[in-house]
Protein backbone atom coordinates (compact mmCIF):
# COMPACT_ATOMS: atom_id res chain seq x y z
CA UNK A 1 -11.02 12.78 -14.99
CA UNK A 2 -13.49 15.64 -15.52
CA UNK A 3 -15.07 16.16 -18.94
CA UNK A 4 -17.31 18.89 -17.55
CA UNK A 5 -16.77 21.40 -14.79
CA UNK A 6 -18.45 20.20 -11.57
CA UNK A 7 -19.24 23.85 -10.77
CA UNK A 8 -20.96 25.01 -13.96
CA UNK A 9 -20.89 22.08 -16.45
CA UNK A 10 -18.60 23.96 -18.85
CA UNK A 11 -16.58 21.85 -21.30
CA UNK A 12 -13.67 24.25 -20.94
CA UNK A 13 -12.25 22.62 -17.77
CA UNK A 14 -8.49 22.43 -18.04
CA UNK A 15 -6.00 20.10 -16.32
CA UNK A 16 -2.36 21.05 -15.78
CA UNK A 17 0.00 19.24 -13.40
CA UNK A 18 -2.33 18.26 -10.58
CA UNK A 19 -4.82 21.13 -10.95
CA UNK A 20 -8.19 21.28 -12.68
CA UNK A 21 -9.40 24.80 -13.45
CA UNK A 22 -12.55 26.14 -15.10
CA UNK A 23 -12.09 29.55 -16.76
CA UNK A 24 -15.86 30.08 -16.92
CA UNK A 25 -16.68 29.90 -13.18
CA UNK A 26 -13.29 29.76 -11.45
CA UNK A 27 -13.71 26.20 -10.10
CA UNK A 28 -10.39 24.73 -8.94
CA UNK A 29 -9.69 21.16 -7.90
CA UNK A 30 -6.28 19.80 -6.92
CA UNK A 31 -5.80 16.11 -7.68
CA UNK A 32 -3.20 15.64 -4.94
CA UNK A 33 -1.09 12.67 -4.01
CA UNK A 34 -2.82 10.00 -1.91
CA UNK A 35 -1.13 8.30 1.04
CA UNK A 36 -0.78 4.52 1.01
CA UNK A 37 1.00 2.00 3.23
CA UNK A 38 2.65 -1.38 2.97
CA UNK A 39 4.17 -3.69 5.58
CA UNK A 40 7.07 -6.10 5.25
CA UNK A 41 6.14 -8.84 7.71
CA UNK A 42 8.94 -11.24 8.48
CA UNK A 43 8.26 -14.47 10.25
CA UNK A 44 11.22 -16.72 10.86
CA UNK A 45 13.17 -16.85 7.61
CA UNK A 46 10.29 -15.81 5.34
CA UNK A 47 8.39 -12.72 4.30
CA UNK A 48 4.62 -12.59 3.87
CA UNK A 49 3.50 -11.60 0.37
CA UNK A 50 -0.08 -11.39 -0.87
CA UNK A 51 -1.42 -12.45 -4.26
CA UNK A 52 -3.60 -9.63 -5.59
CA UNK A 53 -7.12 -10.78 -6.39
CA UNK A 54 -8.19 -7.75 -8.42
CA UNK A 55 -6.88 -5.10 -10.76
CA UNK A 56 -4.59 -3.33 -10.93
CA UNK A 57 -1.94 -6.05 -11.18
CA UNK A 58 -4.27 -8.98 -10.49
CA UNK A 59 -2.26 -12.13 -9.77
CA UNK A 60 0.90 -10.20 -8.90
CA UNK A 61 2.49 -10.16 -5.44
CA UNK A 62 2.09 -7.31 -2.99
CA UNK A 63 2.57 -6.41 0.65
CA UNK A 64 -0.28 -6.07 3.15
CA UNK A 65 -1.48 -2.46 3.28
CA UNK A 66 -3.45 0.02 1.24
CA UNK A 67 -4.79 3.55 1.09
CA UNK A 68 -4.99 5.75 4.17
CA UNK A 69 -8.54 7.01 4.71
CA UNK A 70 -9.39 10.63 5.53
CA UNK A 71 -8.98 11.21 9.25
CA UNK A 72 -6.43 8.40 9.68
CA UNK A 73 -2.70 8.53 10.22
CA UNK A 74 -0.47 6.17 8.25
CA UNK A 75 -0.17 3.69 11.14
CA UNK A 76 -3.90 3.58 11.76
CA UNK A 77 -4.50 3.09 8.03
CA UNK A 78 -1.96 0.27 7.85
CA UNK A 79 -3.39 -1.46 10.91
CA UNK A 80 -6.95 -1.21 9.51
CA UNK A 81 -5.88 -2.44 6.07
CA UNK A 82 -4.12 -5.45 7.56
CA UNK A 83 -7.25 -6.36 9.52
CA UNK A 84 -9.37 -5.97 6.37
CA UNK A 85 -7.03 -7.79 3.95
CA UNK A 86 -5.61 -10.62 6.02
CA UNK A 87 -7.78 -10.66 9.14
CA UNK A 88 -4.72 -10.39 11.34
CA UNK A 89 -2.90 -7.60 13.13
CA UNK A 90 -0.07 -7.74 15.63
CA UNK A 91 -1.13 -7.71 19.27
CA UNK A 92 -1.24 -4.18 20.67
CA UNK A 93 -1.80 -3.68 24.40
CA UNK A 94 -4.86 -1.49 25.08
CA UNK A 95 -3.94 2.17 25.09
CA UNK A 96 -0.51 1.53 23.55
CA UNK A 97 0.54 3.52 20.49
CA UNK A 98 1.05 1.77 17.16
CA UNK A 99 4.42 3.52 16.89
CA UNK A 100 5.92 0.85 19.13
CA UNK A 101 4.65 -1.95 16.88
CA UNK A 102 5.53 -0.92 13.32
CA UNK A 103 8.82 0.58 12.16
CA UNK A 104 8.89 3.00 9.21
CA UNK A 105 11.84 2.22 6.94
CA UNK A 106 11.12 3.72 3.49
CA UNK A 107 8.82 5.83 1.36
CA UNK A 108 8.52 5.92 -2.42
CA UNK A 109 6.23 7.53 -4.97
CA UNK A 110 3.95 5.25 -6.95
CA UNK A 111 1.28 5.41 -9.64
CA UNK A 112 -1.88 3.40 -8.95
CA UNK A 113 -3.98 3.02 -12.11
CA UNK A 114 -7.64 2.43 -11.30
CA UNK A 115 -10.58 2.66 -13.71
CA UNK A 116 -8.71 4.79 -16.23
CA UNK A 117 -7.45 7.25 -13.61
CA UNK A 118 -3.83 7.33 -12.50
CA UNK A 119 -3.59 8.10 -8.80
CA UNK A 120 -0.23 9.39 -7.67
CA UNK A 121 0.56 7.97 -4.26
CA UNK A 122 3.14 8.46 -1.56
CA UNK A 123 3.72 4.92 -0.29
CA UNK A 124 4.99 4.56 3.28
CA UNK A 125 6.58 1.20 4.09
CA UNK A 126 6.78 -0.28 7.56
CA UNK A 127 8.28 -3.48 8.90
CA UNK A 128 7.16 -5.90 11.55
CA UNK A 129 8.78 -9.05 12.95
CA UNK A 130 6.45 -11.87 14.01
CA UNK A 131 8.00 -14.98 15.63
CA UNK A 132 5.54 -17.32 13.93
CA UNK A 133 2.72 -16.70 11.52
CA UNK A 134 1.11 -19.18 9.15
CA UNK A 135 -1.63 -19.15 6.55
CA UNK A 136 -3.95 -20.67 9.17
CA UNK A 137 -3.58 -17.49 11.28
CA UNK A 138 -4.97 -15.38 8.44
CA UNK A 139 -8.50 -14.68 7.24
CA UNK A 140 -8.18 -13.35 3.69
CA UNK A 141 -10.51 -10.78 2.17
CA UNK A 142 -11.34 -12.96 -0.83
CA UNK A 143 -12.61 -10.08 -2.99
CA UNK A 144 -9.14 -8.49 -2.89
CA UNK A 145 -6.63 -11.17 -1.91
CA UNK A 146 -6.28 -14.38 -3.96
CA UNK A 147 -3.70 -16.01 -1.70
CA UNK A 148 -0.57 -15.66 0.39
CA UNK A 149 3.04 -16.71 -0.07
CA UNK A 150 5.67 -17.09 2.63
CA UNK A 151 8.87 -16.50 0.67
CA UNK A 152 12.57 -16.50 1.53
CA UNK A 153 14.27 -13.27 0.49
CA UNK A 154 16.53 -15.16 -1.91
CA UNK A 155 13.43 -16.55 -3.68
CA UNK A 156 11.71 -13.22 -4.37
CA UNK A 157 11.22 -12.64 -8.09
CA UNK A 158 11.02 -8.87 -8.28
CA UNK A 159 9.25 -9.09 -11.67
CA UNK A 160 6.34 -10.83 -9.90
CA UNK A 161 5.72 -7.80 -7.64
CA UNK A 162 2.71 -5.64 -8.44
CA UNK A 163 4.16 -2.14 -8.11
CA UNK A 164 7.43 -0.31 -8.61
CA UNK A 165 7.24 1.13 -5.10
CA UNK A 166 6.94 -2.40 -3.66
CA UNK A 167 10.02 -3.53 -5.61
CA UNK A 168 11.94 -0.50 -4.38
CA UNK A 169 10.76 -1.03 -0.80
CA UNK A 170 11.77 -4.69 -0.67
CA UNK A 171 15.17 -3.87 -2.15
CA UNK A 172 15.62 -1.07 0.41
CA UNK A 173 14.53 -3.40 3.21
CA UNK A 174 16.99 -6.09 2.12
CA UNK A 175 19.77 -3.49 1.79
CA UNK A 176 19.02 -2.14 5.26
CA UNK A 177 18.86 -5.50 7.01
CA UNK A 178 21.45 -7.30 4.88
CA UNK A 179 22.04 -11.00 5.26
CA UNK A 180 21.11 -10.95 8.94
CA UNK A 181 17.45 -9.99 8.46
CA UNK A 182 16.12 -13.31 9.68
CA UNK A 183 18.09 -13.44 12.91
């Protein structure tokens, strides 16, 4: 990540674990885990999956969600990412908390490779039931999302999913809700 120390431009910067350290000036930088979110949206008997329109994992399937920005909580980040990616969010009465809308069900570590840097993430997965939702209800962010799929759980090909944490989350979700998830 760093070839030179940002503090003094020394070439002696060292990286161990998640910590950069410069022995010449004492500069220290912790490359900590980033928070990210995903949402399993079920509508009727199907789940909403997105087709990634850019790297990493371009063309693979993913859940709506993304990185949590500084100053946001996980729910606020998820809600913002859904608006950005699919142009749709669940209705929330004014002044109501998002905690009554989304339900946290799992969290897994992930590695997000981007421009030759591996970002370690802590992915928080939420679920949401929507009585009816169709592609016509969505406004996709074309630079990031190449398409949508409404898929029955029995038709999910886990090899087509973009990230290990997404595979683990969907398996955990199916295990938690069993065969009655669409009722």
